Every structure is written in C-alpha cells, then in structure tokens.
PDB file of N, CA and C in Angstrom:
ATOM      1  N   MET A   1     -37.634  -2.693 -44.216  1.00  0.00           N
ATOM      2  CA  MET A   1     -36.464  -1.914 -43.873  1.00  0.00           C
ATOM      3  C   MET A   1     -35.228  -2.723 -44.204  1.00  0.00           C
ATOM      4  N   GLY A   2     -34.214  -2.050 -44.664  1.00  0.00           N
ATOM      5  CA  GLY A   2     -32.985  -2.754 -44.930  1.00  0.00           C
ATOM      6  C   GLY A   2     -31.961  -1.877 -45.597  1.00  0.00           C
ATOM      7  N   THR A   3     -30.794  -2.452 -45.735  1.00  0.00           N
ATOM      8  CA  THR A   3     -29.692  -1.764 -46.393  1.00  0.00           C
ATOM      9  C   THR A   3     -28.834  -2.784 -47.103  1.00  0.00           C
ATOM     10  N   PHE A   4     -28.167  -2.348 -48.142  1.00  0.00           N
ATOM     11  CA  PHE A   4     -27.224  -3.188 -48.865  1.00  0.00           C
ATOM     12  C   PHE A   4     -25.974  -2.363 -49.097  1.00  0.00           C
ATOM     13  N   SER A   5     -24.823  -2.942 -48.828  1.00  0.00           N
ATOM     14  CA  SER A   5     -23.580  -2.197 -48.988  1.00  0.00           C
ATOM     15  C   SER A   5     -22.459  -3.131 -49.416  1.00  0.00           C
ATOM     16  N   HIS A   6     -21.361  -2.526 -49.880  1.00  0.00           N
ATOM     17  CA  HIS A   6     -20.173  -3.293 -50.242  1.00  0.00           C
ATOM     18  C   HIS A   6     -18.937  -2.424 -50.033  1.00  0.00           C
ATOM     19  N   LEU A   7     -17.796  -3.064 -49.927  1.00  0.00           N
ATOM     20  CA  LEU A   7     -16.546  -2.341 -49.734  1.00  0.00           C
ATOM     21  C   LEU A   7     -16.029  -1.800 -51.054  1.00  0.00           C
ATOM     22  N   GLY A   8     -15.373  -0.676 -50.968  1.00  0.00           N
ATOM     23  CA  GLY A   8     -14.734  -0.072 -52.126  1.00  0.00           C
ATOM     24  C   GLY A   8     -13.380   0.471 -51.716  1.00  0.00           C
ATOM     25  N   TYR A   9     -12.687   1.056 -52.669  1.00  0.00           N
ATOM     26  CA  TYR A   9     -11.372   1.615 -52.386  1.00  0.00           C
ATOM     27  C   TYR A   9     -11.252   2.942 -53.109  1.00  0.00           C
ATOM     28  N   ASP A  10     -10.906   3.972 -52.377  1.00  0.00           N
ATOM     29  CA  ASP A  10     -10.679   5.294 -52.941  1.00  0.00           C
ATOM     30  C   ASP A  10      -9.200   5.405 -53.249  1.00  0.00           C
ATOM     31  N   SER A  11      -8.843   5.254 -54.514  1.00  0.00           N
ATOM     32  CA  SER A  11      -7.424   5.261 -54.882  1.00  0.00           C
ATOM     33  C   SER A  11      -6.806   6.643 -54.708  1.00  0.00           C
ATOM     34  N   ASP A  12      -7.591   7.712 -54.815  1.00  0.00           N
ATOM     35  CA  ASP A  12      -7.050   9.057 -54.604  1.00  0.00           C
ATOM     36  C   ASP A  12      -6.648   9.266 -53.144  1.00  0.00           C
ATOM     37  N   ALA A  13      -7.462   8.738 -52.236  1.00  0.00           N
ATOM     38  CA  ALA A  13      -7.185   8.896 -50.806  1.00  0.00           C
ATOM     39  C   ALA A  13      -6.441   7.701 -50.227  1.00  0.00           C
ATOM     40  N   ALA A  14      -6.262   6.644 -51.044  1.00  0.00           N
ATOM     41  CA  ALA A  14      -5.628   5.403 -50.587  1.00  0.00           C
ATOM     42  C   ALA A  14      -6.314   4.884 -49.324  1.00  0.00           C
ATOM     43  N   ALA A  15      -7.642   4.759 -49.409  1.00  0.00           N
ATOM     44  CA  ALA A  15      -8.409   4.354 -48.232  1.00  0.00           C
ATOM     45  C   ALA A  15      -9.585   3.474 -48.620  1.00  0.00           C
ATOM     46  N   VAL A  16      -9.884   2.535 -47.738  1.00  0.00           N
ATOM     47  CA  VAL A  16     -11.069   1.689 -47.899  1.00  0.00           C
ATOM     48  C   VAL A  16     -12.297   2.517 -47.531  1.00  0.00           C
ATOM     49  N   ASN A  17     -13.365   2.341 -48.286  1.00  0.00           N
ATOM     50  CA  ASN A  17     -14.631   2.963 -47.921  1.00  0.00           C
ATOM     51  C   ASN A  17     -15.747   1.940 -48.081  1.00  0.00           C
ATOM     52  N   LEU A  18     -16.880   2.251 -47.526  1.00  0.00           N
ATOM     53  CA  LEU A  18     -18.022   1.362 -47.614  1.00  0.00           C
ATOM     54  C   LEU A  18     -19.108   2.074 -48.417  1.00  0.00           C
ATOM     55  N   HIS A  19     -19.518   1.451 -49.509  1.00  0.00           N
ATOM     56  CA  HIS A  19     -20.563   2.009 -50.373  1.00  0.00           C
ATOM     57  C   HIS A  19     -21.927   1.507 -49.901  1.00  0.00           C
ATOM     58  N   ILE A  20     -22.795   2.425 -49.567  1.00  0.00           N
ATOM     59  CA  ILE A  20     -24.174   2.057 -49.254  1.00  0.00           C
ATOM     60  C   ILE A  20     -24.938   2.139 -50.572  1.00  0.00           C
ATOM     61  N   VAL A  21     -25.406   1.004 -51.032  1.00  0.00           N
ATOM     62  CA  VAL A  21     -26.108   0.942 -52.309  1.00  0.00           C
ATOM     63  C   VAL A  21     -27.566   1.316 -52.128  1.00  0.00           C
ATOM     64  N   ASP A  22     -28.172   0.849 -51.070  1.00  0.00           N
ATOM     65  CA  ASP A  22     -29.587   1.116 -50.864  1.00  0.00           C
ATOM     66  C   ASP A  22     -29.914   1.069 -49.385  1.00  0.00           C
ATOM     67  N   LEU A  23     -30.695   2.025 -48.936  1.00  0.00           N
ATOM     68  CA  LEU A  23     -31.203   2.022 -47.574  1.00  0.00           C
ATOM     69  C   LEU A  23     -32.668   2.416 -47.671  1.00  0.00           C
ATOM     70  N   TYR A  24     -33.526   1.598 -47.110  1.00  0.00           N
ATOM     71  CA  TYR A  24     -34.954   1.882 -47.196  1.00  0.00           C
ATOM     72  C   TYR A  24     -35.622   1.618 -45.857  1.00  0.00           C
ATOM     73  N   VAL A  25     -36.437   2.574 -45.458  1.00  0.00           N
ATOM     74  CA  VAL A  25     -37.261   2.421 -44.265  1.00  0.00           C
ATOM     75  C   VAL A  25     -38.708   2.635 -44.704  1.00  0.00           C
ATOM     76  N   ASP A  26     -39.558   1.681 -44.420  1.00  0.00           N
ATOM     77  CA  ASP A  26     -40.974   1.779 -44.770  1.00  0.00           C
ATOM     78  C   ASP A  26     -41.556   3.051 -44.157  1.00  0.00           C
ATOM     79  N   VAL A  27     -42.442   3.675 -44.903  1.00  0.00           N
ATOM     80  CA  VAL A  27     -43.055   4.933 -44.461  1.00  0.00           C
ATOM     81  C   VAL A  27     -43.630   4.817 -43.047  1.00  0.00           C
ATOM     82  N   LYS A  28     -44.246   3.694 -42.728  1.00  0.00           N
ATOM     83  CA  LYS A  28     -44.868   3.508 -41.411  1.00  0.00           C
ATOM     84  C   LYS A  28     -43.840   3.449 -40.285  1.00  0.00           C
ATOM     85  N   ALA A  29     -42.601   3.115 -40.609  1.00  0.00           N
ATOM     86  CA  ALA A  29     -41.564   2.976 -39.588  1.00  0.00           C
ATOM     87  C   ALA A  29     -40.673   4.210 -39.472  1.00  0.00           C
ATOM     88  N   ARG A  30     -40.913   5.203 -40.303  1.00  0.00           N
ATOM     89  CA  ARG A  30     -40.079   6.410 -40.262  1.00  0.00           C
ATOM     90  C   ARG A  30     -40.364   7.248 -39.020  1.00  0.00           C
ATOM     91  N   LYS A  31     -39.412   8.079 -38.676  1.00  0.00           N
ATOM     92  CA  LYS A  31     -39.490   8.972 -37.511  1.00  0.00           C
ATOM     93  C   LYS A  31     -39.494   8.195 -36.201  1.00  0.00           C
ATOM     94  N   GLN A  32     -38.996   6.939 -36.230  1.00  0.00           N
ATOM     95  CA  GLN A  32     -38.953   6.121 -35.018  1.00  0.00           C
ATOM     96  C   GLN A  32     -37.529   5.628 -34.721  1.00  0.00           C
ATOM     97  N   GLY A  33     -36.555   6.134 -35.457  1.00  0.00           N
ATOM     98  CA  GLY A  33     -35.172   5.763 -35.201  1.00  0.00           C
ATOM     99  C   GLY A  33     -34.651   4.610 -36.028  1.00  0.00           C
ATOM    100  N   ALA A  34     -35.483   4.039 -36.918  1.00  0.00           N
ATOM    101  CA  ALA A  34     -35.043   2.886 -37.707  1.00  0.00           C
ATOM    102  C   ALA A  34     -33.929   3.253 -38.678  1.00  0.00           C
ATOM    103  N   GLY A  35     -34.063   4.377 -39.351  1.00  0.00           N
ATOM    104  CA  GLY A  35     -33.033   4.801 -40.308  1.00  0.00           C
ATOM    105  C   GLY A  35     -31.704   5.052 -39.628  1.00  0.00           C
ATOM    106  N   LYS A  36     -31.749   5.732 -38.500  1.00  0.00           N
ATOM    107  CA  LYS A  36     -30.510   5.999 -37.757  1.00  0.00           C
ATOM    108  C   LYS A  36     -29.896   4.692 -37.262  1.00  0.00           C
ATOM    109  N   ALA A  37     -30.748   3.752 -36.836  1.00  0.00           N
ATOM    110  CA  ALA A  37     -30.235   2.455 -36.381  1.00  0.00           C
ATOM    111  C   ALA A  37     -29.554   1.708 -37.524  1.00  0.00           C
ATOM    112  N   LEU A  38     -30.155   1.745 -38.713  1.00  0.00           N
ATOM    113  CA  LEU A  38     -29.532   1.089 -39.872  1.00  0.00           C
ATOM    114  C   LEU A  38     -28.198   1.737 -40.210  1.00  0.00           C
ATOM    115  N   MET A  39     -28.167   3.056 -40.241  1.00  0.00           N
ATOM    116  CA  MET A  39     -26.921   3.759 -40.555  1.00  0.00           C
ATOM    117  C   MET A  39     -25.860   3.499 -39.477  1.00  0.00           C
ATOM    118  N   SER A  40     -26.280   3.431 -38.217  1.00  0.00           N
ATOM    119  CA  SER A  40     -25.337   3.134 -37.135  1.00  0.00           C
ATOM    120  C   SER A  40     -24.740   1.742 -37.294  1.00  0.00           C
ATOM    121  N   LYS A  41     -25.562   0.783 -37.693  1.00  0.00           N
ATOM    122  CA  LYS A  41     -25.063  -0.580 -37.907  1.00  0.00           C
ATOM    123  C   LYS A  41     -24.082  -0.618 -39.065  1.00  0.00           C
ATOM    124  N   VAL A  42     -24.400   0.062 -40.150  1.00  0.00           N
ATOM    125  CA  VAL A  42     -23.485   0.107 -41.294  1.00  0.00           C
ATOM    126  C   VAL A  42     -22.173   0.790 -40.882  1.00  0.00           C
ATOM    127  N   ALA A  43     -22.261   1.849 -40.082  1.00  0.00           N
ATOM    128  CA  ALA A  43     -21.055   2.530 -39.600  1.00  0.00           C
ATOM    129  C   ALA A  43     -20.215   1.590 -38.741  1.00  0.00           C
ATOM    130  N   SER A  44     -20.864   0.779 -37.938  1.00  0.00           N
ATOM    131  CA  SER A  44     -20.155  -0.194 -37.110  1.00  0.00           C
ATOM    132  C   SER A  44     -19.416  -1.211 -37.984  1.00  0.00           C
ATOM    133  N   ILE A  45     -20.094  -1.684 -39.012  1.00  0.00           N
ATOM    134  CA  ILE A  45     -19.453  -2.620 -39.948  1.00  0.00           C
ATOM    135  C   ILE A  45     -18.282  -1.946 -40.654  1.00  0.00           C
ATOM    136  N   ALA A  46     -18.467  -0.699 -41.053  1.00  0.00           N
ATOM    137  CA  ALA A  46     -17.381   0.040 -41.713  1.00  0.00           C
ATOM    138  C   ALA A  46     -16.155   0.112 -40.815  1.00  0.00           C
ATOM    139  N   ARG A  47     -16.361   0.425 -39.550  1.00  0.00           N
ATOM    140  CA  ARG A  47     -15.229   0.492 -38.616  1.00  0.00           C
ATOM    141  C   ARG A  47     -14.563  -0.868 -38.458  1.00  0.00           C
ATOM    142  N   GLU A  48     -15.378  -1.925 -38.377  1.00  0.00           N
ATOM    143  CA  GLU A  48     -14.831  -3.280 -38.209  1.00  0.00           C
ATOM    144  C   GLU A  48     -13.917  -3.683 -39.354  1.00  0.00           C
ATOM    145  N   VAL A  49     -14.237  -3.259 -40.568  1.00  0.00           N
ATOM    146  CA  VAL A  49     -13.439  -3.660 -41.739  1.00  0.00           C
ATOM    147  C   VAL A  49     -12.378  -2.624 -42.097  1.00  0.00           C
ATOM    148  N   GLY A  50     -12.263  -1.580 -41.296  1.00  0.00           N
ATOM    149  CA  GLY A  50     -11.220  -0.588 -41.507  1.00  0.00           C
ATOM    150  C   GLY A  50     -11.548   0.475 -42.540  1.00  0.00           C
ATOM    151  N   ALA A  51     -12.827   0.634 -42.853  1.00  0.00           N
ATOM    152  CA  ALA A  51     -13.221   1.674 -43.805  1.00  0.00           C
ATOM    153  C   ALA A  51     -13.136   3.040 -43.136  1.00  0.00           C
ATOM    154  N   ARG A  52     -12.645   3.992 -43.881  1.00  0.00           N
ATOM    155  CA  ARG A  52     -12.496   5.343 -43.354  1.00  0.00           C
ATOM    156  C   ARG A  52     -13.798   6.125 -43.402  1.00  0.00           C
ATOM    157  N   GLU A  53     -14.607   5.827 -44.412  1.00  0.00           N
ATOM    158  CA  GLU A  53     -15.862   6.560 -44.552  1.00  0.00           C
ATOM    159  C   GLU A  53     -16.888   5.716 -45.289  1.00  0.00           C
ATOM    160  N   MET A  54     -18.125   6.182 -45.246  1.00  0.00           N
ATOM    161  CA  MET A  54     -19.215   5.554 -45.978  1.00  0.00           C
ATOM    162  C   MET A  54     -19.648   6.555 -47.055  1.00  0.00           C
ATOM    163  N   ILE A  55     -19.994   6.032 -48.223  1.00  0.00           N
ATOM    164  CA  ILE A  55     -20.469   6.903 -49.288  1.00  0.00           C
ATOM    165  C   ILE A  55     -21.732   6.308 -49.907  1.00  0.00           C
ATOM    166  N   TRP A  56     -22.588   7.162 -50.439  1.00  0.00           N
ATOM    167  CA  TRP A  56     -23.829   6.730 -51.076  1.00  0.00           C
ATOM    168  C   TRP A  56     -24.342   7.860 -51.942  1.00  0.00           C
ATOM    169  N   SER A  57     -25.341   7.563 -52.715  1.00  0.00           N
ATOM    170  CA  SER A  57     -25.952   8.583 -53.567  1.00  0.00           C
ATOM    171  C   SER A  57     -27.369   8.869 -53.099  1.00  0.00           C
ATOM    172  N   VAL A  58     -27.804  10.087 -53.363  1.00  0.00           N
ATOM    173  CA  VAL A  58     -29.164  10.510 -53.059  1.00  0.00           C
ATOM    174  C   VAL A  58     -29.656  11.312 -54.260  1.00  0.00           C
ATOM    175  N   TYR A  59     -30.831  10.975 -54.753  1.00  0.00           N
ATOM    176  CA  TYR A  59     -31.393  11.757 -55.849  1.00  0.00           C
ATOM    177  C   TYR A  59     -31.669  13.179 -55.382  1.00  0.00           C
ATOM    178  N   HIS A  60     -31.372  14.151 -56.250  1.00  0.00           N
ATOM    179  CA  HIS A  60     -31.564  15.567 -55.903  1.00  0.00           C
ATOM    180  C   HIS A  60     -32.967  15.851 -55.385  1.00  0.00           C
ATOM    181  N   ALA A  61     -33.958  15.219 -55.974  1.00  0.00           N
ATOM    182  CA  ALA A  61     -35.348  15.490 -55.611  1.00  0.00           C
ATOM    183  C   ALA A  61     -35.759  14.870 -54.276  1.00  0.00           C
ATOM    184  N   ASN A  62     -34.952  13.981 -53.726  1.00  0.00           N
ATOM    185  CA  ASN A  62     -35.317  13.300 -52.484  1.00  0.00           C
ATOM    186  C   ASN A  62     -34.916  14.153 -51.278  1.00  0.00           C
ATOM    187  N   LYS A  63     -35.711  15.171 -51.032  1.00  0.00           N
ATOM    188  CA  LYS A  63     -35.405  16.129 -49.966  1.00  0.00           C
ATOM    189  C   LYS A  63     -35.492  15.497 -48.578  1.00  0.00           C
ATOM    190  N   ILE A  64     -36.399  14.537 -48.407  1.00  0.00           N
ATOM    191  CA  ILE A  64     -36.549  13.883 -47.103  1.00  0.00           C
ATOM    192  C   ILE A  64     -35.273  13.125 -46.750  1.00  0.00           C
ATOM    193  N   ALA A  65     -34.764  12.342 -47.706  1.00  0.00           N
ATOM    194  CA  ALA A  65     -33.532  11.589 -47.452  1.00  0.00           C
ATOM    195  C   ALA A  65     -32.351  12.526 -47.254  1.00  0.00           C
ATOM    196  N   THR A  66     -32.278  13.572 -48.074  1.00  0.00           N
ATOM    197  CA  THR A  66     -31.173  14.533 -47.946  1.00  0.00           C
ATOM    198  C   THR A  66     -31.146  15.135 -46.551  1.00  0.00           C
ATOM    199  N   LYS A  67     -32.295  15.557 -46.062  1.00  0.00           N
ATOM    200  CA  LYS A  67     -32.366  16.151 -44.726  1.00  0.00           C
ATOM    201  C   LYS A  67     -31.989  15.130 -43.658  1.00  0.00           C
ATOM    202  N   PHE A  68     -32.482  13.901 -43.808  1.00  0.00           N
ATOM    203  CA  PHE A  68     -32.150  12.839 -42.849  1.00  0.00           C
ATOM    204  C   PHE A  68     -30.639  12.650 -42.758  1.00  0.00           C
ATOM    205  N   TYR A  69     -29.981  12.482 -43.910  1.00  0.00           N
ATOM    206  CA  TYR A  69     -28.532  12.244 -43.917  1.00  0.00           C
ATOM    207  C   TYR A  69     -27.756  13.445 -43.394  1.00  0.00           C
ATOM    208  N   GLU A  70     -28.170  14.643 -43.783  1.00  0.00           N
ATOM    209  CA  GLU A  70     -27.476  15.837 -43.296  1.00  0.00           C
ATOM    210  C   GLU A  70     -27.645  15.985 -41.787  1.00  0.00           C
ATOM    211  N   ASN A  71     -28.806  15.598 -41.261  1.00  0.00           N
ATOM    212  CA  ASN A  71     -29.000  15.640 -39.808  1.00  0.00           C
ATOM    213  C   ASN A  71     -28.099  14.648 -39.077  1.00  0.00           C
ATOM    214  N   LEU A  72     -27.691  13.581 -39.770  1.00  0.00           N
ATOM    215  CA  LEU A  72     -26.734  12.637 -39.182  1.00  0.00           C
ATOM    216  C   LEU A  72     -25.315  13.191 -39.204  1.00  0.00           C
ATOM    217  N   GLY A  73     -25.089  14.232 -40.012  1.00  0.00           N
ATOM    218  CA  GLY A  73     -23.753  14.818 -40.143  1.00  0.00           C
ATOM    219  C   GLY A  73     -23.105  14.541 -41.489  1.00  0.00           C
ATOM    220  N   ALA A  74     -23.835  13.904 -42.403  1.00  0.00           N
ATOM    221  CA  ALA A  74     -23.281  13.608 -43.729  1.00  0.00           C
ATOM    222  C   ALA A  74     -23.060  14.900 -44.505  1.00  0.00           C
ATOM    223  N   GLN A  75     -22.066  14.866 -45.375  1.00  0.00           N
ATOM    224  CA  GLN A  75     -21.737  16.017 -46.212  1.00  0.00           C
ATOM    225  C   GLN A  75     -21.914  15.661 -47.672  1.00  0.00           C
ATOM    226  N   ARG A  76     -22.380  16.621 -48.442  1.00  0.00           N
ATOM    227  CA  ARG A  76     -22.516  16.415 -49.888  1.00  0.00           C
ATOM    228  C   ARG A  76     -21.141  16.422 -50.548  1.00  0.00           C
ATOM    229  N   ILE A  77     -20.985  15.579 -51.550  1.00  0.00           N
ATOM    230  CA  ILE A  77     -19.755  15.536 -52.342  1.00  0.00           C
ATOM    231  C   ILE A  77     -20.078  16.212 -53.668  1.00  0.00           C
ATOM    232  N   SER A  78     -19.383  17.255 -53.988  1.00  0.00           N
ATOM    233  CA  SER A  78     -19.707  17.973 -55.220  1.00  0.00           C
ATOM    234  C   SER A  78     -18.650  17.816 -56.310  1.00  0.00           C
ATOM    235  N   ASP A  79     -17.550  17.146 -56.002  1.00  0.00           N
ATOM    236  CA  ASP A  79     -16.481  17.061 -56.997  1.00  0.00           C
ATOM    237  C   ASP A  79     -16.482  15.752 -57.794  1.00  0.00           C
ATOM    238  N   VAL A  80     -17.536  14.953 -57.681  1.00  0.00           N
ATOM    239  CA  VAL A  80     -17.685  13.738 -58.483  1.00  0.00           C
ATOM    240  C   VAL A  80     -19.104  13.678 -59.029  1.00  0.00           C
ATOM    241  N   PHE A  81     -19.292  12.884 -60.041  1.00  0.00           N
ATOM    242  CA  PHE A  81     -20.627  12.660 -60.574  1.00  0.00           C
ATOM    243  C   PHE A  81     -20.726  11.227 -61.042  1.00  0.00           C
ATOM    244  N   PHE A  82     -21.957  10.755 -61.199  1.00  0.00           N
ATOM    245  CA  PHE A  82     -22.196   9.382 -61.636  1.00  0.00           C
ATOM    246  C   PHE A  82     -22.333   9.335 -63.149  1.00  0.00           C
ATOM    247  N   MET A  83     -21.949   8.214 -63.703  1.00  0.00           N
ATOM    248  CA  MET A  83     -22.142   7.954 -65.122  1.00  0.00           C
ATOM    249  C   MET A  83     -22.793   6.594 -65.257  1.00  0.00           C
ATOM    250  N   LYS A  84     -23.493   6.389 -66.362  1.00  0.00           N
ATOM    251  CA  LYS A  84     -24.077   5.075 -66.615  1.00  0.00           C
ATOM    252  C   LYS A  84     -23.967   4.765 -68.094  1.00  0.00           C
ATOM    253  N   LEU A  85     -24.001   3.481 -68.383  1.00  0.00           N
ATOM    254  CA  LEU A  85     -23.911   2.994 -69.755  1.00  0.00           C
ATOM    255  C   LEU A  85     -24.713   1.705 -69.822  1.00  0.00           C
ATOM    256  N   ARG A  86     -25.595   1.607 -70.778  1.00  0.00           N
ATOM    257  CA  ARG A  86     -26.378   0.395 -70.934  1.00  0.00           C
ATOM    258  C   ARG A  86     -25.440  -0.776 -71.206  1.00  0.00           C
ATOM    259  N   ALA A  87     -25.713  -1.898 -70.589  1.00  0.00           N
ATOM    260  CA  ALA A  87     -24.856  -3.078 -70.729  1.00  0.00           C
ATOM    261  C   ALA A  87     -24.781  -3.546 -72.169  1.00  0.00           C
ATOM    262  N   ASP A  88     -25.852  -3.350 -72.927  1.00  0.00           N
ATOM    263  CA  ASP A  88     -25.837  -3.821 -74.329  1.00  0.00           C
ATOM    264  C   ASP A  88     -25.273  -2.788 -75.296  1.00  0.00           C
ATOM    265  N   ALA A  89     -24.730  -1.683 -74.770  1.00  0.00           N
ATOM    266  CA  ALA A  89     -24.166  -0.633 -75.627  1.00  0.00           C
ATOM    267  C   ALA A  89     -22.802  -1.003 -76.179  1.00  0.00           C
ATOM    268  N   LEU A  90     -22.141  -1.942 -75.555  1.00  0.00           N
ATOM    269  CA  LEU A  90     -20.791  -2.330 -76.005  1.00  0.00           C
ATOM    270  C   LEU A  90     -20.788  -3.776 -76.461  1.00  0.00           C
TER     271      LEU A  90
END
C-alpha cells in the first residue's frame, strides 16, 4: 500500500494543488479502509501546504477505482486531457 504525490500550481485558478501520482492498495487489504486512510493522509498534507485541491488520473477502464474515488466525493474533470511524448522523440 502506498501513495506518491507532489505539489503543482494551477495557473488558471492561481492556486496550489497536490498531484497524486499513484495510490495502490493490495487486493487483500481492500474494503478495510486503507484506501480512504491513504487519501485522508494526502488530504491532510494538502491542507498543511496550502493546496486547494488534489488531482489525479484514473484509467477509464478502472471502474473499481472510479467508484472508490466518487464515493469519497471526487469529481471527474472533463475539460482537460493528458498528452505524452517519448523522451527520445526530440
């Protein structure tokens, strides 16, 4: 179980945010409050550093994670999308 995050800045909103890069709970530990505890800890850190919100990505096919986050009160962001570029492309 674990999470990795870093601070970011939303220049459109002029606000600090906390990016959750990865959150994983082992299958055996799910449905026992571990995921909510991890998210609560990250939220606590976000508040401590003055972040207004937390943001992360979820693959469309990951219905279990989507339901988990929505049950916490998370909202989908539909006005942005991710892009990628191979490091050796430039």
